[in-house]
Amino acid sequence: MAAASATNRAKSELSVRSNVIVILSAFWVNFCLLGVRRIHGVIYRALIDTFEVSREDAAWPFGILGFFMCVTGAVSGFLSHSISVRTLAVFGTILASVSVITCSCASHITHIAALYGALQGIGIGIIVPLTNVLLNQNFSRYKACALGIVYSGSSIGSFIFPPITNFFLNGYGLHGTFLLLGGIMLNSLVGAILYRTPNLAHKLAVLKTPLDGKSCTKCEEEEKSTENNKSLSLENGKRSHFRENISEKATECIAPDPEKSPGVSTCFKCESPPTVINLAVEILANPSFLIISAVYAAYFTLSNTFLMVVIDFAADRGVTIDKSVFFVSAFSIGDLVGRLSFGWIADMQFIRRSNLIRSYLFVMGTLTAVLPFCCYVELLFAASIVLGILSGSVMVNHSVLLSEYLGLQKLPIAMGFSVCLVGLTSFLRPVIIGFFRDERQNYDQLFIFLGLLVISITLIWSLELLSHFINRYRNTVNKILPQ
């Protein structure tokens, strides 16, 4: 008995160490890779001055980056079924870093669009979905908290790198800055090498744990049956037969649909995994997937546009570049707070996660719409912090929401498709910026437009609540009325 207890304790300690390594490695990748990506506002302004182009032309490399990053995310979801997460992560980090380093040789804005936009977008697009899949595979509880710690890497990086990038620009010019930034990004390779995925036994243990932490009876019976077969096969010396039996009995557990049973922790149903094509069709036909993807597309458009133009927006109001870079740092401070703290609120289940995210988005849209009325630098600085808090809170729940609505089995492909749909809106960003700033000569109407867009889509998502109350009312009436 004591030996069994010691063995279980050793396994628990090994699992904790493994999960810590996963979190730290993903944190480092986000710090070096995605943290540097948050300097778009500084690079955007430098492109305008160096190549003497319009703001729409200067915004195109970032729009192309977003498109390729998101489209590659869908491919990455499919590839993760046949290629290890570590292999894909290593390839993505190398490609993204080398692309930025090569920008030091660019002589035209189109070169920047191809290297900084397309190639770097492909590299980062491979990484982003893998981080969500990796953490959801390794954690059965407190997923939003784990994601918050990991994504705080990009928040800390985006707090540190904007002033450093501005220092690089003043000392080494734009081309020297690309070379130095690419070298910083290449350090993410250390974290990518440490990526690991759980073995089959651990993956089943994670998948069979419902939202309330209770175990699944059918999965436990399946696991006990497998263990009994293993003992019987070993006693009879039929190891080959056991291997065939295990391959036939390997199953995955599918999470309950929150639309059909919201707030109810039911036992997962164990069944053989469907084909990738069937999963893709089911995902794309799911209304919940479509509305969540639309909501996050609007959210990413708002947050990325703000980070890109806030320095130029402040410059229009007479703030120097050396001071305006700290608006990005202020956003990053709030983003870090939101990712580390507000994820706990959703994980504690005091309020339904979807309702919490809807409230964040509504406040975020309202605050963005009133940004043009921030007449003082201090107010703009405070607004940047609050927007960062809300952005970080929404960000860490993207994959968790998809997992709750669609199930963990569909998450890799669903995350890829969702990021891909978000990327399709990236081509609109340069056009929108050019329309409001180049033609109308200010960013005021741009912020009003983005704020109202997020509010409108959030209200459409809120119709889910109305549908839920109608169904509850019908069920109550059916119970009361005689059959």
Protein backbone atom coordinates (compact mmCIF):
# COMPACT_ATOMS: atom_id res chain seq x y z
CA MET A 1 0.00 0.00 0.00
CA ALA A 2 2.85 2.33 0.93
CA ALA A 3 4.66 1.46 -2.30
CA ALA A 4 1.56 2.26 -4.35
CA SER A 5 1.16 5.58 -2.54
CA ALA A 6 4.80 6.46 -3.18
CA THR A 7 4.39 5.58 -6.85
CA ASN A 8 1.29 7.76 -7.21
CA ARG A 9 3.07 10.61 -5.43
CA ALA A 10 6.06 10.30 -7.76
CA LYS A 11 3.76 10.30 -10.81
CA SER A 12 1.98 13.40 -9.49
CA GLU A 13 5.28 15.23 -8.98
CA LEU A 14 6.42 14.23 -12.47
CA SER A 15 3.14 15.52 -13.96
CA VAL A 16 3.49 18.83 -12.12
CA ARG A 17 7.08 19.28 -13.33
CA SER A 18 6.04 18.44 -16.89
CA ASN A 19 3.21 20.98 -16.82
CA VAL A 20 5.53 23.64 -15.39
CA ILE A 21 7.96 23.01 -18.25
CA VAL A 22 5.10 23.32 -20.76
CA ILE A 23 3.98 26.64 -19.27
CA LEU A 24 7.49 28.11 -19.07
CA SER A 25 8.45 27.03 -22.60
CA ALA A 26 5.23 28.44 -24.09
CA PHE A 27 5.71 31.62 -22.03
CA TRP A 28 9.22 32.07 -23.47
CA VAL A 29 8.04 31.55 -27.04
CA ASN A 30 5.30 34.14 -26.56
CA PHE A 31 7.75 36.58 -24.96
CA CYS A 32 10.37 36.40 -27.72
CA LEU A 33 8.09 35.90 -30.71
CA LEU A 34 4.70 37.49 -30.04
CA GLY A 35 6.13 40.16 -27.72
CA VAL A 36 8.21 41.51 -30.59
CA ARG A 37 5.15 41.35 -32.84
CA ARG A 38 3.43 43.91 -30.59
CA ILE A 39 5.75 46.71 -31.82
CA HIS A 40 3.70 47.26 -34.98
CA GLY A 41 2.85 50.82 -33.99
CA VAL A 42 6.53 51.76 -33.82
CA ILE A 43 7.43 49.99 -37.09
CA TYR A 44 4.31 51.42 -38.79
CA ARG A 45 5.44 54.97 -38.08
CA ALA A 46 9.04 54.14 -39.13
CA LEU A 47 7.86 52.74 -42.47
CA ILE A 48 6.02 55.98 -43.21
CA ASP A 49 9.13 58.05 -42.54
CA THR A 50 11.72 55.72 -44.13
CA PHE A 51 9.96 54.77 -47.36
CA GLU A 52 7.82 57.94 -47.59
CA VAL A 53 4.58 56.08 -48.24
CA SER A 54 0.97 56.71 -47.28
CA ARG A 55 -0.46 55.25 -44.11
CA GLU A 56 -2.50 52.75 -46.08
CA ASP A 57 0.64 51.48 -47.85
CA ALA A 58 2.50 51.33 -44.52
CA ALA A 59 -0.32 49.29 -43.00
CA TRP A 60 -0.31 46.62 -45.72
CA PRO A 61 2.63 44.56 -44.36
CA PHE A 62 0.75 44.16 -41.08
CA GLY A 63 -2.50 43.29 -42.83
CA ILE A 64 -0.70 40.67 -44.92
CA LEU A 65 0.99 39.37 -41.78
CA GLY A 66 -2.36 38.94 -40.06
CA PHE A 67 -3.87 37.19 -43.07
CA PHE A 68 -1.07 34.66 -43.52
CA MET A 69 -0.77 34.13 -39.79
CA CYS A 70 -4.43 33.24 -39.50
CA VAL A 71 -4.70 31.17 -42.69
CA THR A 72 -1.64 29.18 -41.70
CA GLY A 73 -3.34 28.61 -38.34
CA ALA A 74 -6.00 26.51 -40.04
CA VAL A 75 -3.33 24.41 -41.77
CA SER A 76 -1.47 24.07 -38.49
CA GLY A 77 -4.58 22.58 -36.89
CA PHE A 78 -4.66 19.85 -39.52
CA LEU A 79 -0.90 19.25 -39.40
CA SER A 80 -0.98 18.77 -35.62
CA HIS A 81 -2.82 15.48 -36.22
CA SER A 82 0.12 13.99 -38.10
CA ILE A 83 3.20 16.04 -37.08
CA SER A 84 4.36 16.60 -33.51
CA VAL A 85 3.74 19.97 -31.88
CA ARG A 86 7.45 20.34 -31.15
CA THR A 87 8.46 19.87 -34.80
CA LEU A 88 5.91 22.40 -36.03
CA ALA A 89 6.88 24.90 -33.32
CA VAL A 90 10.60 24.69 -34.14
CA PHE A 91 9.92 25.22 -37.85
CA GLY A 92 7.60 28.16 -37.16
CA THR A 93 10.03 29.99 -34.86
CA ILE A 94 12.92 29.64 -37.32
CA LEU A 95 10.84 30.84 -40.29
CA ALA A 96 9.42 33.87 -38.45
CA SER A 97 12.81 34.94 -37.05
CA VAL A 98 14.75 34.57 -40.31
CA SER A 99 12.04 36.50 -42.18
CA VAL A 100 12.46 39.54 -39.92
CA ILE A 101 16.27 39.31 -40.13
CA THR A 102 16.05 39.30 -43.94
CA CYS A 103 14.04 42.55 -43.83
CA SER A 104 17.34 44.30 -43.04
CA CYS A 105 18.16 43.93 -46.76
CA ALA A 106 14.80 45.29 -48.03
CA SER A 107 14.85 48.36 -50.28
CA HIS A 108 11.13 48.78 -51.02
CA ILE A 109 7.87 48.54 -49.09
CA THR A 110 6.84 45.52 -51.19
CA HIS A 111 9.87 43.63 -49.87
CA ILE A 112 8.72 44.38 -46.33
CA ALA A 113 5.23 43.16 -47.24
CA ALA A 114 6.61 39.85 -48.53
CA LEU A 115 9.15 39.21 -45.75
CA TYR A 116 7.74 40.91 -42.65
CA GLY A 117 4.17 40.25 -43.78
CA ALA A 118 3.83 36.94 -45.62
CA LEU A 119 6.76 34.81 -44.44
CA GLN A 120 6.69 35.96 -40.84
CA GLY A 121 2.91 35.51 -40.85
CA ILE A 122 3.29 31.88 -41.92
CA GLY A 123 5.84 31.22 -39.17
CA ILE A 124 3.79 32.83 -36.41
CA GLY A 125 0.61 31.24 -37.78
CA ILE A 126 2.11 27.83 -37.14
CA ILE A 127 2.90 28.74 -33.52
CA VAL A 128 -0.26 30.47 -32.26
CA PRO A 129 -2.81 27.60 -32.55
CA LEU A 130 -0.26 25.09 -31.20
CA THR A 131 0.05 26.99 -27.93
CA ASN A 132 -3.71 26.73 -27.30
CA VAL A 133 -3.84 23.07 -28.27
CA LEU A 134 -0.78 22.24 -26.18
CA LEU A 135 -2.20 23.74 -22.99
CA ASN A 136 -5.68 22.32 -23.48
CA GLN A 137 -4.12 18.86 -23.93
CA ASN A 138 -2.01 19.12 -20.77
CA PHE A 139 -4.53 20.76 -18.43
CA SER A 140 -7.97 19.53 -17.40
CA ARG A 141 -8.71 22.43 -15.03
CA TYR A 142 -7.68 26.08 -14.77
CA LYS A 143 -7.08 26.29 -18.50
CA ALA A 144 -7.75 30.01 -18.67
CA CYS A 145 -5.26 30.59 -15.86
CA ALA A 146 -2.59 28.53 -17.64
CA LEU A 147 -3.29 30.39 -20.87
CA GLY A 148 -3.12 33.66 -18.96
CA ILE A 149 0.36 32.88 -17.65
CA VAL A 150 1.57 31.81 -21.09
CA TYR A 151 0.08 34.79 -22.92
CA SER A 152 1.50 37.14 -20.30
CA GLY A 153 4.79 36.46 -22.08
CA SER A 154 3.65 38.49 -25.07
CA SER A 155 2.27 41.17 -22.72
CA ILE A 156 5.58 41.52 -20.89
CA GLY A 157 7.40 41.53 -24.23
CA SER A 158 5.11 44.20 -25.64
CA PHE A 159 5.77 46.29 -22.52
CA ILE A 160 9.57 46.03 -22.93
CA PHE A 161 10.11 45.98 -26.70
CA PRO A 162 8.41 49.22 -27.92
CA PRO A 163 10.87 51.54 -26.08
CA ILE A 164 13.75 49.22 -27.07
CA THR A 165 12.62 49.31 -30.71
CA ASN A 166 12.45 53.08 -30.63
CA PHE A 167 15.99 53.09 -29.21
CA PHE A 168 17.12 50.77 -32.02
CA LEU A 169 15.51 53.03 -34.63
CA ASN A 170 17.26 56.12 -33.29
CA GLY A 171 20.63 54.38 -33.16
CA TYR A 172 20.66 51.90 -36.04
CA GLY A 173 17.86 52.91 -38.40
CA LEU A 174 15.01 50.75 -39.64
CA HIS A 175 17.17 48.12 -41.36
CA GLY A 176 19.44 47.66 -38.37
CA THR A 177 16.36 47.40 -36.17
CA PHE A 178 14.99 44.52 -38.25
CA LEU A 179 18.29 42.66 -37.83
CA LEU A 180 18.32 43.10 -34.05
CA LEU A 181 14.64 42.23 -33.62
CA GLY A 182 15.03 39.07 -35.70
CA GLY A 183 17.90 38.00 -33.45
CA ILE A 184 15.71 38.50 -30.37
CA MET A 185 12.92 36.44 -31.96
CA LEU A 186 15.34 33.60 -32.71
CA ASN A 187 15.72 33.01 -28.96
CA SER A 188 12.19 31.57 -28.97
CA LEU A 189 13.68 28.42 -30.48
CA VAL A 190 14.78 27.37 -26.97
CA GLY A 191 11.19 27.26 -25.76
CA ALA A 192 9.89 25.52 -28.90
CA ILE A 193 12.37 22.67 -28.40
CA LEU A 194 10.90 22.04 -24.92
CA TYR A 195 7.32 21.64 -26.19
CA ARG A 196 5.80 18.28 -25.29
CA THR A 197 2.45 16.56 -25.71
CA PRO A 198 0.98 14.15 -23.13
CA ASN A 199 0.98 10.42 -23.69
CA LEU A 200 -2.25 8.55 -24.43
CA ALA A 201 -2.97 7.67 -20.79
CA HIS A 202 -2.57 11.27 -19.62
CA LYS A 203 -4.56 12.60 -22.59
CA LEU A 204 -7.48 10.29 -21.75
CA ALA A 205 -7.30 11.40 -18.11
CA VAL A 206 -7.60 15.03 -19.21
CA LEU A 207 -10.34 14.39 -21.76
CA LYS A 208 -12.53 12.36 -19.44
CA THR A 209 -12.65 15.07 -16.75
CA PRO A 210 -15.88 17.10 -17.00
CA LEU A 211 -16.11 20.79 -16.12
CA ASP A 212 -16.90 20.06 -12.44
CA GLY A 213 -13.90 17.74 -12.06
CA LYS A 214 -15.99 14.55 -11.63
CA SER A 215 -14.78 11.46 -13.42
CA CYS A 216 -16.55 9.79 -16.26
CA THR A 217 -17.92 6.37 -15.35
CA LYS A 218 -17.87 4.99 -18.89
CA CYS A 219 -14.29 6.11 -19.44
CA GLU A 220 -13.23 4.58 -16.11
CA GLU A 221 -14.87 1.28 -17.05
CA GLU A 222 -13.14 1.41 -20.44
CA GLU A 223 -9.79 2.09 -18.77
CA LYS A 224 -10.27 -0.73 -16.22
CA SER A 225 -11.28 -3.10 -19.03
CA THR A 226 -8.13 -2.16 -20.92
CA GLU A 227 -5.99 -2.79 -17.83
CA ASN A 228 -7.61 -6.18 -17.25
CA ASN A 229 -6.99 -7.13 -20.86
CA LYS A 230 -3.39 -6.09 -20.45
CA SER A 231 -2.89 -8.30 -17.40
CA LEU A 232 -4.61 -11.24 -19.08
CA SER A 233 -2.55 -10.81 -22.25
CA LEU A 234 0.71 -10.64 -20.33
CA GLU A 235 -0.14 -13.76 -18.33
CA ASN A 236 -0.89 -15.69 -21.47
CA GLY A 237 2.16 -14.34 -23.28
CA LYS A 238 0.02 -12.77 -26.01
CA ARG A 239 1.60 -9.33 -26.19
CA SER A 240 0.93 -8.93 -29.90
CA HIS A 241 -2.75 -9.61 -29.40
CA PHE A 242 -2.79 -7.03 -26.62
CA ARG A 243 -1.36 -4.37 -28.90
CA GLU A 244 -4.07 -4.99 -31.45
CA ASN A 245 -6.70 -4.92 -28.71
CA ILE A 246 -5.39 -1.62 -27.35
CA SER A 247 -5.44 0.01 -30.78
CA GLU A 248 -9.05 -1.04 -31.25
CA LYS A 249 -10.11 0.16 -27.81
CA ALA A 250 -8.32 3.51 -27.89
CA THR A 251 -11.07 6.09 -27.58
CA GLU A 252 -11.48 9.74 -26.96
CA CYS A 253 -14.07 11.53 -24.89
CA ILE A 254 -16.27 14.22 -26.30
CA ALA A 255 -17.38 17.13 -24.12
CA PRO A 256 -21.08 17.89 -23.71
CA ASP A 257 -22.60 20.56 -25.87
CA PRO A 258 -23.18 23.66 -23.67
CA GLU A 259 -26.03 24.76 -25.92
CA LYS A 260 -27.96 21.56 -25.28
CA SER A 261 -27.13 21.36 -21.59
CA PRO A 262 -25.72 24.68 -20.41
CA GLY A 263 -24.26 24.60 -16.93
CA VAL A 264 -24.87 20.86 -16.58
CA SER A 265 -21.90 18.58 -15.90
CA THR A 266 -22.73 15.33 -17.61
CA CYS A 267 -20.55 12.33 -18.21
CA PHE A 268 -18.69 12.41 -21.50
CA LYS A 269 -19.59 9.82 -24.07
CA CYS A 270 -16.73 7.56 -25.18
CA GLU A 271 -16.63 6.74 -28.85
CA SER A 272 -14.20 6.20 -31.68
CA PRO A 273 -12.83 9.47 -33.10
CA PRO A 274 -14.44 10.57 -36.39
CA THR A 275 -12.42 11.51 -39.44
CA VAL A 276 -10.86 14.94 -39.80
CA ILE A 277 -13.19 15.81 -42.70
CA ASN A 278 -16.29 14.98 -40.65
CA LEU A 279 -14.99 17.10 -37.79
CA ALA A 280 -14.35 20.02 -40.15
CA VAL A 281 -17.90 19.84 -41.58
CA GLU A 282 -19.45 19.68 -38.11
CA ILE A 283 -17.41 22.65 -36.94
CA LEU A 284 -18.20 24.90 -39.91
CA ALA A 285 -21.91 24.06 -39.65
CA ASN A 286 -22.07 24.94 -35.95
CA PRO A 287 -23.71 28.37 -35.36
CA SER A 288 -21.87 28.79 -32.06
CA PHE A 289 -18.53 28.43 -33.82
CA LEU A 290 -19.50 31.03 -36.43
CA ILE A 291 -20.67 33.67 -33.97
CA ILE A 292 -17.64 33.19 -31.66
CA SER A 293 -15.33 33.53 -34.66
CA ALA A 294 -17.13 36.68 -35.80
CA VAL A 295 -16.89 38.17 -32.30
CA TYR A 296 -13.18 37.46 -32.10
CA ALA A 297 -12.62 38.81 -35.61
CA ALA A 298 -14.10 42.14 -34.52
CA TYR A 299 -12.15 42.04 -31.27
CA PHE A 300 -8.81 41.38 -32.99
CA THR A 301 -9.51 44.09 -35.55
CA LEU A 302 -10.11 46.59 -32.77
CA SER A 303 -7.13 45.67 -30.58
CA ASN A 304 -4.62 45.29 -33.45
CA THR A 305 -5.72 48.53 -35.09
CA PHE A 306 -5.42 50.40 -31.80
CA LEU A 307 -1.89 49.08 -31.20
CA MET A 308 -0.89 49.99 -34.77
CA VAL A 309 -2.20 53.55 -34.92
CA VAL A 310 -2.11 54.76 -31.30
CA ILE A 311 1.40 56.22 -31.70
CA ASP A 312 0.41 58.04 -34.89
CA PHE A 313 -2.88 59.06 -33.23
CA ALA A 314 -0.96 60.59 -30.31
CA ALA A 315 1.49 62.27 -32.72
CA ASP A 316 -1.44 63.97 -34.44
CA ARG A 317 -2.25 65.48 -31.04
CA GLY A 318 1.24 66.85 -30.53
CA VAL A 319 2.77 64.01 -28.47
CA THR A 320 6.36 63.14 -29.37
CA ILE A 321 7.29 59.63 -30.56
CA ASP A 322 9.53 59.05 -27.53
CA LYS A 323 6.53 59.58 -25.27
CA SER A 324 3.81 58.00 -27.42
CA VAL A 325 5.56 54.59 -27.51
CA PHE A 326 4.58 54.25 -23.86
CA PHE A 327 0.91 54.11 -24.85
CA VAL A 328 1.71 50.66 -26.25
CA SER A 329 3.50 49.83 -22.99
CA ALA A 330 0.47 51.05 -21.02
CA PHE A 331 -1.80 48.79 -23.08
CA SER A 332 0.62 45.93 -22.40
CA ILE A 333 0.55 46.52 -18.64
CA GLY A 334 -3.23 46.28 -18.67
CA ASP A 335 -3.07 43.28 -21.00
CA LEU A 336 -0.80 41.49 -18.53
CA VAL A 337 -3.13 42.23 -15.63
CA GLY A 338 -6.13 41.00 -17.62
CA ARG A 339 -4.48 37.76 -18.69
CA LEU A 340 -3.19 36.87 -15.23
CA SER A 341 -6.14 37.91 -13.07
CA PHE A 342 -9.41 37.89 -14.96
CA GLY A 343 -8.96 34.31 -16.15
CA TRP A 344 -9.50 33.20 -12.56
CA ILE A 345 -12.98 34.73 -12.54
CA ALA A 346 -14.05 32.56 -15.47
CA ASP A 347 -12.35 29.43 -14.08
CA MET A 348 -14.07 29.79 -10.69
CA GLN A 349 -17.42 29.57 -12.52
CA PHE A 350 -19.05 32.34 -10.49
CA ILE A 351 -20.55 33.53 -13.76
CA ARG A 352 -20.98 31.79 -17.06
CA ARG A 353 -17.87 32.32 -19.20
CA SER A 354 -19.76 33.49 -22.30
CA ASN A 355 -21.65 36.12 -20.29
CA LEU A 356 -18.40 37.37 -18.78
CA ILE A 357 -16.75 37.74 -22.20
CA ARG A 358 -19.79 39.54 -23.56
CA SER A 359 -19.57 42.11 -20.76
CA TYR A 360 -15.83 42.63 -21.42
CA LEU A 361 -16.43 43.18 -25.14
CA PHE A 362 -19.28 45.62 -24.59
CA VAL A 363 -17.18 47.80 -22.27
CA MET A 364 -14.22 47.54 -24.64
CA GLY A 365 -16.29 48.72 -27.60
CA THR A 366 -17.79 51.59 -25.61
CA LEU A 367 -14.39 52.79 -24.40
CA THR A 368 -12.94 52.66 -27.93
CA ALA A 369 -15.83 54.71 -29.29
CA VAL A 370 -15.16 57.51 -26.76
CA LEU A 371 -11.38 57.62 -27.34
CA PRO A 372 -11.62 60.70 -29.63
CA PHE A 373 -13.01 62.63 -26.66
CA CYS A 374 -9.92 61.96 -24.51
CA CYS A 375 -8.50 65.47 -24.68
CA TYR A 376 -5.62 64.93 -22.26
CA VAL A 377 -2.60 62.65 -22.51
CA GLU A 378 -3.32 61.26 -19.03
CA LEU A 379 -6.81 60.18 -20.11
CA LEU A 380 -5.45 58.45 -23.21
CA PHE A 381 -2.86 56.71 -21.08
CA ALA A 382 -5.56 55.49 -18.64
CA ALA A 383 -7.78 54.38 -21.52
CA SER A 384 -4.87 52.37 -22.96
CA ILE A 385 -4.45 50.52 -19.66
CA VAL A 386 -8.18 49.72 -19.36
CA LEU A 387 -8.35 48.56 -22.99
CA GLY A 388 -5.35 46.34 -22.31
CA ILE A 389 -7.04 44.77 -19.27
CA LEU A 390 -10.18 44.02 -21.26
CA SER A 391 -8.20 42.76 -24.25
CA GLY A 392 -6.14 40.37 -22.13
CA SER A 393 -9.26 39.07 -20.39
CA VAL A 394 -10.94 38.30 -23.71
CA MET A 395 -7.83 36.87 -25.34
CA VAL A 396 -7.17 34.04 -22.88
CA ASN A 397 -10.71 32.68 -23.24
CA HIS A 398 -10.78 32.22 -27.02
CA SER A 399 -9.69 28.57 -27.13
CA VAL A 400 -11.46 27.78 -23.84
CA LEU A 401 -14.77 29.04 -25.24
CA LEU A 402 -14.35 26.93 -28.37
CA SER A 403 -13.47 23.93 -26.21
CA GLU A 404 -16.61 24.39 -24.08
CA TYR A 405 -18.93 24.87 -27.06
CA LEU A 406 -17.45 22.25 -29.40
CA GLY A 407 -15.48 19.82 -27.24
CA LEU A 408 -11.77 19.17 -26.85
CA GLN A 409 -11.66 16.67 -29.70
CA LYS A 410 -12.65 19.36 -32.22
CA LEU A 411 -10.48 22.07 -30.69
CA PRO A 412 -7.33 21.81 -32.90
CA ILE A 413 -9.32 22.13 -36.14
CA ALA A 414 -11.85 24.59 -34.66
CA MET A 415 -9.06 26.84 -33.41
CA GLY A 416 -7.40 26.74 -36.81
CA PHE A 417 -10.60 27.60 -38.66
CA SER A 418 -11.49 30.34 -36.19
CA VAL A 419 -8.08 31.98 -36.53
CA CYS A 420 -8.37 31.63 -40.31
CA LEU A 421 -11.70 33.47 -40.37
CA VAL A 422 -10.17 36.18 -38.21
CA GLY A 423 -7.33 36.49 -40.72
CA LEU A 424 -9.69 37.17 -43.59
CA THR A 425 -10.52 40.51 -41.95
CA SER A 426 -6.83 41.53 -41.86
CA PHE A 427 -7.00 42.73 -45.48
CA LEU A 428 -9.70 45.21 -44.45
CA ARG A 429 -7.50 46.89 -41.85
CA PRO A 430 -5.19 48.82 -44.22
CA VAL A 431 -8.16 49.94 -46.30
CA ILE A 432 -10.03 51.16 -43.22
CA ILE A 433 -6.97 53.00 -41.89
CA GLY A 434 -6.35 54.60 -45.29
CA PHE A 435 -9.98 55.65 -45.63
CA PHE A 436 -10.19 57.37 -42.24
CA ARG A 437 -6.64 58.77 -41.90
CA ASP A 438 -5.45 59.43 -45.47
CA GLU A 439 -8.77 60.68 -46.81
CA ARG A 440 -10.48 62.14 -43.72
CA GLN A 441 -7.22 63.24 -42.07
CA ASN A 442 -7.97 61.91 -38.57
CA TYR A 443 -8.46 58.73 -36.55
CA ASP A 444 -11.50 59.90 -34.57
CA GLN A 445 -14.11 58.32 -36.82
CA LEU A 446 -12.00 55.16 -37.07
CA PHE A 447 -12.22 54.54 -33.32
CA ILE A 448 -15.95 55.30 -33.28
CA PHE A 449 -16.51 52.84 -36.12
CA LEU A 450 -14.49 50.05 -34.45
CA GLY A 451 -16.19 50.56 -31.11
CA LEU A 452 -19.69 50.37 -32.59
CA LEU A 453 -18.70 47.30 -34.63
CA VAL A 454 -17.66 45.36 -31.52
CA ILE A 455 -20.78 46.45 -29.62
CA SER A 456 -23.08 45.38 -32.49
CA ILE A 457 -21.59 41.90 -32.88
CA THR A 458 -21.58 41.39 -29.10
CA LEU A 459 -25.30 42.23 -29.00
CA ILE A 460 -25.95 39.69 -31.77
CA TRP A 461 -24.09 37.07 -29.72
CA SER A 462 -26.29 38.02 -26.74
CA LEU A 463 -29.32 36.68 -28.63
CA GLU A 464 -28.08 33.29 -27.41
CA LEU A 465 -29.27 34.33 -23.94
CA LEU A 466 -32.74 35.11 -25.31
CA SER A 467 -32.87 31.69 -27.00
CA HIS A 468 -31.79 30.03 -23.75
CA PHE A 469 -34.53 31.76 -21.73
CA ILE A 470 -37.17 30.87 -24.35
CA ASN A 471 -36.18 27.20 -24.20
CA ARG A 472 -36.32 27.22 -20.39
CA TYR A 473 -39.76 28.85 -20.54
CA ARG A 474 -41.02 26.22 -22.99
CA ASN A 475 -39.68 23.39 -20.84
CA THR A 476 -41.36 24.87 -17.76
CA VAL A 477 -44.69 25.23 -19.58
CA ASN A 478 -44.48 21.66 -20.88
CA LYS A 479 -43.97 20.37 -17.35
CA ILE A 480 -46.92 22.33 -15.98
CA LEU A 481 -49.44 21.67 -18.73
CA PRO A 482 -51.05 18.19 -18.83
CA GLN A 483 -49.82 15.92 -21.61
